[in-house]
């Protein structure tokens, strides 16, 4: 097991960093969706009139 870790520590480190970035991105999308949907930037959104009533 120790030999495996010594031989693959760089791959494990990069994979861990990619995993953390992915989790942060998914969490951000979920929180934004719970907060109010599209994030108030509806310039090209086809549902702009339905999402934010003026």
C-alpha atoms as a PDB file:
ATOM      1  CA  UNK A   1       0.000   0.000   0.000  1.00  0.00           C
ATOM      2  CA  UNK A   2       2.809   2.412   0.834  1.00  0.00           C
ATOM      3  CA  UNK A   3       4.485   1.643  -2.485  1.00  0.00           C
ATOM      4  CA  UNK A   4       1.257   2.429  -4.316  1.00  0.00           C
ATOM      5  CA  UNK A   5       1.004   5.808  -2.570  1.00  0.00           C
ATOM      6  CA  UNK A   6       4.641   6.613  -3.300  1.00  0.00           C
ATOM      7  CA  UNK A   7       4.237   5.766  -6.976  1.00  0.00           C
ATOM      8  CA  UNK A   8       0.935   7.574  -7.482  1.00  0.00           C
ATOM      9  CA  UNK A   9       0.941  10.543  -5.087  1.00  0.00           C
ATOM     10  CA  UNK A  10       0.873  13.100  -7.927  1.00  0.00           C
ATOM     11  CA  UNK A  11      -2.116  11.454  -9.604  1.00  0.00           C
ATOM     12  CA  UNK A  12      -3.953  11.252  -6.298  1.00  0.00           C
ATOM     13  CA  UNK A  13      -3.215  14.911  -5.526  1.00  0.00           C
ATOM     14  CA  UNK A  14      -4.420  16.140  -8.926  1.00  0.00           C
ATOM     15  CA  UNK A  15      -7.487  13.915  -8.737  1.00  0.00           C
ATOM     16  CA  UNK A  16      -8.278  15.306  -5.286  1.00  0.00           C
ATOM     17  CA  UNK A  17      -7.964  18.882  -6.530  1.00  0.00           C
ATOM     18  CA  UNK A  18     -10.235  18.158  -9.501  1.00  0.00           C
ATOM     19  CA  UNK A  19     -12.761  16.534  -7.168  1.00  0.00           C
ATOM     20  CA  UNK A  20     -12.777  19.557  -4.837  1.00  0.00           C
ATOM     21  CA  UNK A  21     -13.277  21.969  -7.766  1.00  0.00           C
ATOM     22  CA  UNK A  22     -16.138  19.803  -9.073  1.00  0.00           C
ATOM     23  CA  UNK A  23     -17.824  19.716  -5.656  1.00  0.00           C
ATOM     24  CA  UNK A  24     -17.524  23.501  -5.296  1.00  0.00           C
ATOM     25  CA  UNK A  25     -19.023  24.037  -8.764  1.00  0.00           C
ATOM     26  CA  UNK A  26     -21.959  21.711  -8.102  1.00  0.00           C
ATOM     27  CA  UNK A  27     -22.574  23.305  -4.704  1.00  0.00           C
ATOM     28  CA  UNK A  28     -22.558  26.757  -6.290  1.00  0.00           C
ATOM     29  CA  UNK A  29     -25.082  25.687  -8.930  1.00  0.00           C
ATOM     30  CA  UNK A  30     -27.371  24.127  -6.316  1.00  0.00           C
ATOM     31  CA  UNK A  31     -27.236  27.175  -4.042  1.00  0.00           C
ATOM     32  CA  UNK A  32     -27.886  29.554  -6.951  1.00  0.00           C
ATOM     33  CA  UNK A  33     -30.853  27.439  -8.047  1.00  0.00           C
ATOM     34  CA  UNK A  34     -32.324  27.429  -4.535  1.00  0.00           C
ATOM     35  CA  UNK A  35     -31.771  31.184  -4.249  1.00  0.00           C
ATOM     36  CA  UNK A  36     -33.792  32.131  -7.258  1.00  0.00           C
ATOM     37  CA  UNK A  37     -33.114  30.238 -10.406  1.00  0.00           C
ATOM     38  CA  UNK A  38     -31.094  31.898 -13.105  1.00  0.00           C
ATOM     39  CA  UNK A  39     -29.001  34.375 -11.119  1.00  0.00           C
ATOM     40  CA  UNK A  40     -30.603  37.564 -12.520  1.00  0.00           C
ATOM     41  CA  UNK A  41     -28.647  37.614 -15.772  1.00  0.00           C
ATOM     42  CA  UNK A  42     -31.442  36.895 -18.234  1.00  0.00           C
ATOM     43  CA  UNK A  43     -30.195  38.779 -21.293  1.00  0.00           C
ATOM     44  CA  UNK A  44     -30.585  35.872 -23.709  1.00  0.00           C
ATOM     45  CA  UNK A  45     -32.876  33.666 -21.658  1.00  0.00           C
ATOM     46  CA  UNK A  46     -36.104  32.623 -23.429  1.00  0.00           C
ATOM     47  CA  UNK A  47     -37.936  32.556 -20.071  1.00  0.00           C
ATOM     48  CA  UNK A  48     -36.947  36.081 -18.993  1.00  0.00           C
ATOM     49  CA  UNK A  49     -40.513  37.381 -18.900  1.00  0.00           C
ATOM     50  CA  UNK A  50     -41.762  34.439 -16.855  1.00  0.00           C
ATOM     51  CA  UNK A  51     -38.928  34.286 -14.336  1.00  0.00           C
ATOM     52  CA  UNK A  52     -38.727  37.923 -13.185  1.00  0.00           C
ATOM     53  CA  UNK A  53     -41.958  39.881 -13.126  1.00  0.00           C
ATOM     54  CA  UNK A  54     -41.480  43.617 -13.639  1.00  0.00           C
END
